[in-house]
């Protein structure tokens, strides 16, 4: 399981931290988030975050809510999801600033992420599923879920209509 922690600023996306592990129970990650000061974080889960845990029968989403985290599940993006994540990252990457010390492993994984190739036909076969792909998928999901704060502010502003009496 991998996760990146971001904070949106004016024309900046600050990647604050990166957590990864393999074979850890979910409690490990909730403890890590709290230990690192992220107890009030919004957790974005991929579509399978609504899948039931085989041990407890609860959904991962429910476990995180029980641990008092805010949770949003990103719907399944269907065919071409990997390409959509890559394109979403391309759109926002120039605005990303990474904490040098706490995101080192994540940046390494992002740099290594690559496409599988069929050398005979000289065609791409989609992302290679290796040690870097979980990090890249998590970062891509963040890019898909990210909403620019200025765009949200403009969307939720109060609309002022002209006085209807002013028109003839």
N, C-alpha and C. Protein backbone atom coordinates (compact mmCIF):
# COMPACT_ATOMS: atom_id res chain seq x y z
N UNK A 1 0.86 -1.17 0.00
CA UNK A 1 0.00 0.00 0.00
C UNK A 1 0.90 1.23 0.00
N UNK A 2 0.56 2.18 -0.80
CA UNK A 2 1.34 3.40 -0.89
C UNK A 2 0.41 4.59 -0.74
N UNK A 3 1.00 5.70 -0.33
CA UNK A 3 0.22 6.92 -0.22
C UNK A 3 1.10 8.13 -0.21
N UNK A 4 0.62 9.17 -0.82
CA UNK A 4 1.30 10.44 -0.80
C UNK A 4 0.42 11.44 -0.07
N UNK A 5 1.02 12.37 0.60
CA UNK A 5 0.27 13.38 1.33
C UNK A 5 0.55 14.72 0.69
N UNK A 6 -0.53 15.40 0.28
CA UNK A 6 -0.37 16.65 -0.44
C UNK A 6 -1.11 17.78 0.24
N UNK A 7 -0.68 18.97 -0.09
CA UNK A 7 -1.36 20.18 0.36
C UNK A 7 -1.42 21.11 -0.84
N UNK A 8 -2.61 21.62 -1.12
CA UNK A 8 -2.76 22.51 -2.27
C UNK A 8 -2.53 23.95 -1.86
N UNK A 9 -1.80 24.65 -2.66
CA UNK A 9 -1.59 26.07 -2.44
C UNK A 9 -1.88 26.80 -3.73
N UNK A 10 -1.68 28.09 -3.73
CA UNK A 10 -1.94 28.87 -4.93
C UNK A 10 -0.96 28.46 -6.02
N UNK A 11 -1.47 27.84 -7.07
CA UNK A 11 -0.68 27.36 -8.20
C UNK A 11 0.41 26.37 -7.81
N UNK A 12 0.30 25.76 -6.64
CA UNK A 12 1.27 24.76 -6.20
C UNK A 12 0.54 23.57 -5.60
N UNK A 13 1.13 22.41 -5.81
CA UNK A 13 0.70 21.20 -5.12
C UNK A 13 1.94 20.74 -4.36
N UNK A 14 1.85 20.77 -3.07
CA UNK A 14 3.01 20.40 -2.25
C UNK A 14 2.87 18.95 -1.81
N UNK A 15 3.78 18.12 -2.28
CA UNK A 15 3.79 16.71 -1.88
C UNK A 15 4.62 16.65 -0.61
N UNK A 16 3.93 16.44 0.50
CA UNK A 16 4.56 16.57 1.82
C UNK A 16 5.27 15.31 2.27
N UNK A 17 4.73 14.15 1.93
CA UNK A 17 5.23 12.93 2.53
C UNK A 17 4.86 11.75 1.64
N UNK A 18 5.50 10.62 1.90
CA UNK A 18 5.23 9.40 1.17
C UNK A 18 5.36 8.23 2.14
N UNK A 19 4.37 7.37 2.12
CA UNK A 19 4.37 6.18 2.98
C UNK A 19 4.18 4.97 2.09
N UNK A 20 5.02 3.95 2.29
CA UNK A 20 4.82 2.71 1.54
C UNK A 20 5.09 1.53 2.45
N UNK A 21 4.52 0.42 2.09
CA UNK A 21 4.74 -0.80 2.83
C UNK A 21 4.16 -1.97 2.07
N UNK A 22 4.54 -3.15 2.48
CA UNK A 22 4.02 -4.34 1.83
C UNK A 22 3.66 -5.34 2.91
N UNK A 23 2.44 -5.85 2.85
CA UNK A 23 2.00 -6.86 3.81
C UNK A 23 1.63 -6.31 5.17
N UNK A 24 1.53 -4.99 5.29
CA UNK A 24 1.16 -4.37 6.57
C UNK A 24 -0.35 -4.35 6.72
N UNK A 25 -0.81 -4.47 7.95
CA UNK A 25 -2.25 -4.31 8.21
C UNK A 25 -2.59 -2.83 8.10
N UNK A 26 -3.87 -2.54 7.88
CA UNK A 26 -4.31 -1.17 7.70
C UNK A 26 -3.98 -0.30 8.91
N UNK A 27 -4.02 -0.89 10.11
CA UNK A 27 -3.69 -0.15 11.32
C UNK A 27 -2.29 0.44 11.30
N UNK A 28 -1.37 -0.21 10.62
CA UNK A 28 -0.01 0.33 10.48
C UNK A 28 -0.05 1.70 9.81
N UNK A 29 -0.85 1.81 8.75
CA UNK A 29 -0.91 3.06 8.00
C UNK A 29 -1.64 4.15 8.78
N UNK A 30 -2.71 3.80 9.47
CA UNK A 30 -3.40 4.81 10.27
C UNK A 30 -2.48 5.30 11.39
N UNK A 31 -1.70 4.39 11.99
CA UNK A 31 -0.74 4.80 13.02
C UNK A 31 0.34 5.70 12.45
N UNK A 32 0.83 5.35 11.26
CA UNK A 32 1.85 6.18 10.61
C UNK A 32 1.31 7.57 10.30
N UNK A 33 0.10 7.64 9.78
CA UNK A 33 -0.50 8.94 9.47
C UNK A 33 -0.60 9.79 10.73
N UNK A 34 -1.07 9.21 11.81
CA UNK A 34 -1.18 9.96 13.07
C UNK A 34 0.19 10.37 13.60
N UNK A 35 1.13 9.43 13.57
CA UNK A 35 2.48 9.71 14.07
C UNK A 35 3.13 10.86 13.30
N UNK A 36 2.85 10.95 12.03
CA UNK A 36 3.44 12.01 11.19
C UNK A 36 2.63 13.30 11.19
N UNK A 37 1.57 13.33 11.98
CA UNK A 37 0.79 14.56 12.13
C UNK A 37 -0.34 14.74 11.13
N UNK A 38 -0.79 13.67 10.51
CA UNK A 38 -1.83 13.76 9.49
C UNK A 38 -3.15 13.15 9.94
N UNK A 39 -3.49 13.31 11.20
CA UNK A 39 -4.70 12.68 11.73
C UNK A 39 -5.99 13.29 11.19
N UNK A 40 -5.90 14.45 10.58
CA UNK A 40 -7.11 15.09 10.02
C UNK A 40 -7.12 15.03 8.49
N UNK A 41 -6.43 14.05 7.95
CA UNK A 41 -6.28 13.95 6.50
C UNK A 41 -7.53 13.39 5.82
N UNK A 42 -7.69 13.79 4.58
CA UNK A 42 -8.69 13.18 3.70
C UNK A 42 -7.97 12.03 3.01
N UNK A 43 -8.51 10.83 3.10
CA UNK A 43 -7.91 9.66 2.46
C UNK A 43 -8.70 9.36 1.18
N UNK A 44 -8.02 9.40 0.06
CA UNK A 44 -8.64 9.05 -1.21
C UNK A 44 -8.27 7.61 -1.52
N UNK A 45 -9.28 6.79 -1.75
CA UNK A 45 -9.05 5.38 -2.04
C UNK A 45 -9.43 5.08 -3.48
N UNK A 46 -8.75 4.11 -4.08
CA UNK A 46 -9.19 3.67 -5.41
C UNK A 46 -10.54 2.96 -5.30
N UNK A 47 -11.13 2.68 -6.43
CA UNK A 47 -12.48 2.10 -6.45
C UNK A 47 -12.61 0.84 -5.60
N UNK A 48 -11.54 0.08 -5.45
CA UNK A 48 -11.64 -1.14 -4.65
C UNK A 48 -11.55 -0.87 -3.15
N UNK A 49 -11.52 0.39 -2.76
CA UNK A 49 -11.58 0.75 -1.35
C UNK A 49 -12.91 0.41 -0.72
N UNK A 50 -13.89 0.08 -1.56
CA UNK A 50 -15.19 -0.36 -1.04
C UNK A 50 -15.26 -1.87 -0.94
N UNK A 51 -14.16 -2.55 -1.28
CA UNK A 51 -14.12 -4.01 -1.16
C UNK A 51 -13.98 -4.39 0.32
N UNK A 52 -14.60 -5.49 0.68
CA UNK A 52 -14.54 -5.95 2.07
C UNK A 52 -13.18 -6.56 2.38
N UNK A 53 -12.68 -6.29 3.56
CA UNK A 53 -11.47 -6.90 4.08
C UNK A 53 -11.77 -8.37 4.34
N UNK A 54 -10.91 -9.27 3.88
CA UNK A 54 -11.19 -10.70 4.01
C UNK A 54 -11.16 -11.19 5.45
N UNK A 55 -10.53 -10.45 6.35
CA UNK A 55 -10.46 -10.86 7.75
C UNK A 55 -11.64 -10.32 8.55
N UNK A 56 -11.93 -9.04 8.41
CA UNK A 56 -12.96 -8.40 9.25
C UNK A 56 -14.33 -8.35 8.59
N UNK A 57 -14.36 -8.45 7.27
CA UNK A 57 -15.62 -8.31 6.56
C UNK A 57 -16.04 -6.87 6.32
N UNK A 58 -15.31 -5.92 6.92
CA UNK A 58 -15.61 -4.50 6.71
C UNK A 58 -14.86 -3.99 5.49
N UNK A 59 -15.38 -2.94 4.90
CA UNK A 59 -14.71 -2.30 3.77
C UNK A 59 -13.54 -1.46 4.29
N UNK A 60 -12.49 -1.31 3.48
CA UNK A 60 -11.36 -0.46 3.87
C UNK A 60 -11.83 0.95 4.17
N UNK A 61 -12.80 1.42 3.39
CA UNK A 61 -13.39 2.73 3.61
C UNK A 61 -13.96 2.82 5.03
N UNK A 62 -14.65 1.78 5.48
CA UNK A 62 -15.25 1.77 6.82
C UNK A 62 -14.18 1.75 7.91
N UNK A 63 -13.12 0.98 7.70
CA UNK A 63 -12.04 0.94 8.67
C UNK A 63 -11.42 2.33 8.87
N UNK A 64 -11.20 3.03 7.77
CA UNK A 64 -10.61 4.37 7.87
C UNK A 64 -11.57 5.35 8.54
N UNK A 65 -12.85 5.25 8.23
CA UNK A 65 -13.83 6.11 8.88
C UNK A 65 -13.90 5.80 10.38
N UNK A 66 -13.84 4.51 10.74
CA UNK A 66 -13.83 4.13 12.15
C UNK A 66 -12.60 4.70 12.87
N UNK A 67 -11.52 4.86 12.12
CA UNK A 67 -10.29 5.44 12.68
C UNK A 67 -10.33 6.96 12.65
N UNK A 68 -11.50 7.53 12.29
CA UNK A 68 -11.77 8.97 12.30
C UNK A 68 -11.03 9.75 11.22
N UNK A 69 -10.79 9.09 10.08
CA UNK A 69 -10.26 9.78 8.91
C UNK A 69 -11.43 10.09 7.98
N UNK A 70 -11.29 11.18 7.23
CA UNK A 70 -12.24 11.47 6.16
C UNK A 70 -11.86 10.60 4.97
N UNK A 71 -12.85 10.05 4.28
CA UNK A 71 -12.56 9.11 3.20
C UNK A 71 -13.42 9.44 1.99
N UNK A 72 -12.79 9.39 0.83
CA UNK A 72 -13.52 9.49 -0.43
C UNK A 72 -12.99 8.40 -1.35
N UNK A 73 -13.90 7.65 -1.95
CA UNK A 73 -13.53 6.59 -2.89
C UNK A 73 -13.67 7.15 -4.30
N UNK A 74 -12.61 7.03 -5.08
CA UNK A 74 -12.62 7.49 -6.47
C UNK A 74 -13.23 6.37 -7.31
N UNK A 75 -14.28 6.67 -8.07
CA UNK A 75 -14.93 5.62 -8.87
C UNK A 75 -13.98 4.97 -9.87
N UNK A 76 -14.32 3.74 -10.23
CA UNK A 76 -13.55 3.02 -11.23
C UNK A 76 -13.56 3.82 -12.53
N UNK A 77 -12.39 4.03 -13.08
CA UNK A 77 -12.27 4.83 -14.29
C UNK A 77 -12.42 3.99 -15.56
N UNK A 78 -12.56 2.68 -15.39
CA UNK A 78 -12.82 1.80 -16.53
C UNK A 78 -11.61 1.60 -17.43
N UNK A 79 -11.89 1.20 -18.65
CA UNK A 79 -10.82 0.95 -19.62
C UNK A 79 -10.00 2.21 -19.82
N UNK A 80 -8.71 2.04 -19.87
CA UNK A 80 -7.83 3.18 -20.09
C UNK A 80 -7.52 3.98 -18.84
N UNK A 81 -7.80 3.40 -17.66
CA UNK A 81 -7.58 4.13 -16.40
C UNK A 81 -6.12 4.51 -16.21
N UNK A 82 -5.21 3.61 -16.54
CA UNK A 82 -3.79 3.92 -16.37
C UNK A 82 -3.39 5.12 -17.23
N UNK A 83 -3.87 5.15 -18.45
CA UNK A 83 -3.56 6.27 -19.35
C UNK A 83 -4.17 7.56 -18.82
N UNK A 84 -5.38 7.48 -18.23
CA UNK A 84 -6.00 8.67 -17.66
C UNK A 84 -5.19 9.20 -16.48
N UNK A 85 -4.65 8.29 -15.65
CA UNK A 85 -3.83 8.73 -14.52
C UNK A 85 -2.56 9.40 -15.01
N UNK A 86 -1.93 8.81 -16.02
CA UNK A 86 -0.71 9.40 -16.58
C UNK A 86 -1.00 10.80 -17.12
N UNK A 87 -2.08 10.96 -17.85
CA UNK A 87 -2.44 12.27 -18.39
C UNK A 87 -2.76 13.27 -17.28
N UNK A 88 -3.43 12.82 -16.23
CA UNK A 88 -3.73 13.70 -15.10
C UNK A 88 -2.44 14.18 -14.44
N UNK A 89 -1.46 13.28 -14.30
CA UNK A 89 -0.16 13.67 -13.72
C UNK A 89 0.54 14.67 -14.64
N UNK A 90 0.50 14.45 -15.92
CA UNK A 90 1.14 15.40 -16.87
C UNK A 90 0.54 16.80 -16.73
N UNK A 91 -0.78 16.86 -16.48
CA UNK A 91 -1.44 18.16 -16.34
C UNK A 91 -0.97 18.93 -15.12
N UNK A 92 -0.71 18.24 -14.02
CA UNK A 92 -0.40 18.94 -12.76
C UNK A 92 1.07 18.91 -12.36
N UNK A 93 1.88 18.07 -12.98
CA UNK A 93 3.23 17.83 -12.47
C UNK A 93 4.09 19.09 -12.39
N UNK A 94 3.93 20.01 -13.32
CA UNK A 94 4.75 21.22 -13.29
C UNK A 94 4.46 22.09 -12.07
N UNK A 95 3.32 21.85 -11.41
CA UNK A 95 2.98 22.63 -10.21
C UNK A 95 3.31 21.89 -8.92
N UNK A 96 3.89 20.67 -9.04
CA UNK A 96 4.20 19.87 -7.85
C UNK A 96 5.56 20.23 -7.27
N UNK A 97 5.57 20.39 -5.96
CA UNK A 97 6.79 20.63 -5.20
C UNK A 97 6.89 19.49 -4.19
N UNK A 98 8.03 18.83 -4.13
CA UNK A 98 8.22 17.66 -3.28
C UNK A 98 9.11 17.98 -2.10
N UNK A 99 8.72 17.54 -0.91
CA UNK A 99 9.58 17.63 0.26
C UNK A 99 10.76 16.69 -0.01
N UNK A 100 11.96 17.25 -0.02
CA UNK A 100 13.14 16.49 -0.42
C UNK A 100 13.40 15.27 0.44
N UNK A 101 13.23 15.39 1.74
CA UNK A 101 13.61 14.28 2.62
C UNK A 101 12.51 13.23 2.80
N UNK A 102 11.26 13.65 2.85
CA UNK A 102 10.19 12.69 3.17
C UNK A 102 9.56 12.03 1.94
N UNK A 103 9.93 12.46 0.75
CA UNK A 103 9.34 11.88 -0.47
C UNK A 103 10.38 11.20 -1.35
N UNK A 104 11.57 10.98 -0.85
CA UNK A 104 12.66 10.43 -1.64
C UNK A 104 12.29 9.09 -2.29
N UNK A 105 11.77 8.15 -1.52
CA UNK A 105 11.41 6.83 -2.07
C UNK A 105 10.31 6.97 -3.12
N UNK A 106 9.35 7.83 -2.88
CA UNK A 106 8.27 8.03 -3.84
C UNK A 106 8.76 8.64 -5.14
N UNK A 107 9.67 9.61 -5.02
CA UNK A 107 10.23 10.23 -6.23
C UNK A 107 11.05 9.23 -7.03
N UNK A 108 11.78 8.36 -6.34
CA UNK A 108 12.52 7.31 -7.03
C UNK A 108 11.58 6.41 -7.83
N UNK A 109 10.48 6.01 -7.20
CA UNK A 109 9.52 5.14 -7.87
C UNK A 109 8.88 5.84 -9.06
N UNK A 110 8.51 7.11 -8.90
CA UNK A 110 7.92 7.85 -10.02
C UNK A 110 8.90 7.94 -11.18
N UNK A 111 10.17 8.15 -10.87
CA UNK A 111 11.18 8.25 -11.91
C UNK A 111 11.42 6.94 -12.65
N UNK A 112 11.20 5.82 -11.98
CA UNK A 112 11.44 4.52 -12.59
C UNK A 112 10.23 3.99 -13.36
N UNK A 113 9.04 4.47 -13.04
CA UNK A 113 7.80 3.99 -13.66
C UNK A 113 7.92 4.03 -15.17
N UNK A 114 7.56 2.96 -15.83
CA UNK A 114 7.74 2.89 -17.27
C UNK A 114 6.72 1.96 -17.92
N UNK A 115 6.70 2.01 -19.23
CA UNK A 115 5.77 1.23 -20.02
C UNK A 115 6.41 -0.09 -20.43
N UNK A 116 5.59 -1.14 -20.49
CA UNK A 116 6.05 -2.40 -21.07
C UNK A 116 6.07 -2.23 -22.58
N UNK A 117 7.03 -2.86 -23.21
CA UNK A 117 7.16 -2.74 -24.68
C UNK A 117 7.19 -4.13 -25.31
N UNK A 118 6.56 -4.24 -26.45
CA UNK A 118 6.71 -5.42 -27.29
C UNK A 118 7.77 -5.04 -28.31
N UNK A 119 8.97 -5.54 -28.11
CA UNK A 119 10.11 -5.14 -28.95
C UNK A 119 9.91 -5.58 -30.41
N UNK A 120 9.29 -6.74 -30.62
CA UNK A 120 9.10 -7.22 -32.00
C UNK A 120 8.19 -6.30 -32.79
N UNK A 121 7.09 -5.90 -32.17
CA UNK A 121 6.12 -5.05 -32.88
C UNK A 121 6.36 -3.57 -32.63
N UNK A 122 7.26 -3.25 -31.72
CA UNK A 122 7.58 -1.87 -31.35
C UNK A 122 6.32 -1.10 -30.93
N UNK A 123 5.58 -1.71 -29.98
CA UNK A 123 4.38 -1.07 -29.46
C UNK A 123 4.41 -1.10 -27.93
N UNK A 124 3.75 -0.12 -27.35
CA UNK A 124 3.63 -0.08 -25.90
C UNK A 124 2.48 -0.96 -25.45
N UNK A 125 2.65 -1.60 -24.29
CA UNK A 125 1.65 -2.53 -23.76
C UNK A 125 1.06 -2.04 -22.44
N UNK A 126 1.21 -0.77 -22.17
CA UNK A 126 0.71 -0.26 -20.89
C UNK A 126 1.80 -0.28 -19.83
N UNK A 127 1.48 0.19 -18.65
CA UNK A 127 2.48 0.30 -17.59
C UNK A 127 3.03 -1.06 -17.16
N UNK A 128 4.30 -1.09 -16.87
CA UNK A 128 4.93 -2.28 -16.29
C UNK A 128 4.50 -2.38 -14.83
N UNK A 129 4.06 -3.56 -14.42
CA UNK A 129 3.66 -3.76 -13.02
C UNK A 129 4.88 -4.27 -12.26
N UNK A 130 5.56 -3.35 -11.58
CA UNK A 130 6.76 -3.70 -10.81
C UNK A 130 6.79 -2.89 -9.52
N UNK A 131 7.92 -2.77 -8.89
CA UNK A 131 8.03 -2.10 -7.59
C UNK A 131 7.62 -0.64 -7.65
N UNK A 132 7.65 -0.03 -8.81
CA UNK A 132 7.33 1.40 -8.92
C UNK A 132 5.86 1.67 -9.22
N UNK A 133 5.13 0.66 -9.67
CA UNK A 133 3.79 0.92 -10.19
C UNK A 133 2.78 1.28 -9.10
N UNK A 134 2.91 0.75 -7.89
CA UNK A 134 1.95 1.11 -6.84
C UNK A 134 2.07 2.59 -6.47
N UNK A 135 3.28 3.07 -6.36
CA UNK A 135 3.49 4.49 -6.07
C UNK A 135 2.94 5.35 -7.20
N UNK A 136 3.25 4.97 -8.44
CA UNK A 136 2.78 5.75 -9.59
C UNK A 136 1.25 5.73 -9.67
N UNK A 137 0.64 4.59 -9.36
CA UNK A 137 -0.82 4.52 -9.37
C UNK A 137 -1.41 5.44 -8.30
N UNK A 138 -0.80 5.44 -7.10
CA UNK A 138 -1.29 6.31 -6.02
C UNK A 138 -1.13 7.78 -6.41
N UNK A 139 0.00 8.14 -7.00
CA UNK A 139 0.23 9.52 -7.41
C UNK A 139 -0.75 9.90 -8.52
N UNK A 140 -0.98 8.97 -9.45
CA UNK A 140 -1.93 9.23 -10.53
C UNK A 140 -3.35 9.39 -10.02
N UNK A 141 -3.72 8.61 -9.00
CA UNK A 141 -5.04 8.74 -8.40
C UNK A 141 -5.17 10.10 -7.72
N UNK A 142 -4.10 10.55 -7.07
CA UNK A 142 -4.11 11.88 -6.47
C UNK A 142 -4.34 12.94 -7.55
N UNK A 143 -3.68 12.78 -8.69
CA UNK A 143 -3.83 13.75 -9.78
C UNK A 143 -5.25 13.74 -10.32
N UNK A 144 -5.87 12.58 -10.42
CA UNK A 144 -7.25 12.47 -10.89
C UNK A 144 -8.19 13.14 -9.89
N UNK A 145 -7.95 12.93 -8.59
CA UNK A 145 -8.84 13.44 -7.55
C UNK A 145 -8.61 14.92 -7.25
N UNK A 146 -7.46 15.45 -7.60
CA UNK A 146 -7.09 16.81 -7.22
C UNK A 146 -8.02 17.84 -7.85
N UNK A 147 -8.48 18.74 -7.04
CA UNK A 147 -9.27 19.89 -7.51
C UNK A 147 -8.51 21.15 -7.15
N UNK A 148 -8.26 21.97 -8.13
CA UNK A 148 -7.55 23.22 -7.90
C UNK A 148 -8.36 24.11 -6.96
N UNK A 149 -7.77 24.56 -5.83
CA UNK A 149 -8.52 25.38 -4.88
C UNK A 149 -9.11 26.64 -5.51
N UNK A 150 -8.41 27.27 -6.43
CA UNK A 150 -8.95 28.50 -7.04
C UNK A 150 -10.15 28.17 -7.91
N UNK A 151 -10.14 27.00 -8.54
CA UNK A 151 -11.27 26.59 -9.36
C UNK A 151 -12.48 26.32 -8.47
N UNK A 152 -12.24 25.66 -7.33
CA UNK A 152 -13.34 25.38 -6.42
C UNK A 152 -13.91 26.67 -5.85
N UNK A 153 -13.03 27.61 -5.52
CA UNK A 153 -13.51 28.89 -4.97
C UNK A 153 -14.36 29.63 -6.00
N UNK A 154 -13.92 29.61 -7.25
CA UNK A 154 -14.68 30.28 -8.30
C UNK A 154 -16.03 29.59 -8.52
N UNK A 155 -16.04 28.28 -8.38
CA UNK A 155 -17.27 27.53 -8.61
C UNK A 155 -18.29 27.80 -7.51
N UNK A 156 -17.84 27.95 -6.28
CA UNK A 156 -18.78 28.07 -5.17
C UNK A 156 -19.04 29.53 -4.76
N UNK A 157 -18.58 30.47 -5.55
CA UNK A 157 -18.82 31.88 -5.21
C UNK A 157 -20.30 32.22 -5.37
N UNK A 158 -20.72 33.25 -4.69
CA UNK A 158 -22.11 33.69 -4.80
C UNK A 158 -22.32 34.36 -6.15
N UNK A 159 -23.38 33.97 -6.81
CA UNK A 159 -23.71 34.58 -8.10
C UNK A 159 -24.61 35.78 -7.86
N UNK A 160 -24.30 36.90 -8.51
CA UNK A 160 -25.10 38.11 -8.37
C UNK A 160 -25.75 38.39 -9.72
N UNK A 161 -27.04 38.41 -9.70
CA UNK A 161 -27.80 38.64 -10.92
C UNK A 161 -28.21 40.11 -10.99
N UNK A 162 -28.34 40.57 -12.21
CA UNK A 162 -28.80 41.95 -12.41
C UNK A 162 -30.25 42.07 -11.91
N UNK A 163 -30.57 43.25 -11.46
CA UNK A 163 -31.93 43.52 -11.00
C UNK A 163 -32.87 43.39 -12.20
N UNK A 164 -33.86 42.49 -12.11
CA UNK A 164 -34.78 42.31 -13.25
C UNK A 164 -35.56 43.57 -13.57
N UNK A 165 -35.71 44.47 -12.63
CA UNK A 165 -36.44 45.74 -12.86
C UNK A 165 -35.66 46.67 -13.78
N UNK A 166 -34.34 46.41 -13.92
CA UNK A 166 -33.52 47.30 -14.72
C UNK A 166 -33.70 47.05 -16.22
N UNK A 167 -34.34 45.95 -16.58
CA UNK A 167 -34.52 45.63 -17.99
C UNK A 167 -35.91 46.06 -18.45
N UNK A 168 -36.01 46.49 -19.68
CA UNK A 168 -37.28 46.91 -20.26
C UNK A 168 -37.94 45.77 -20.95
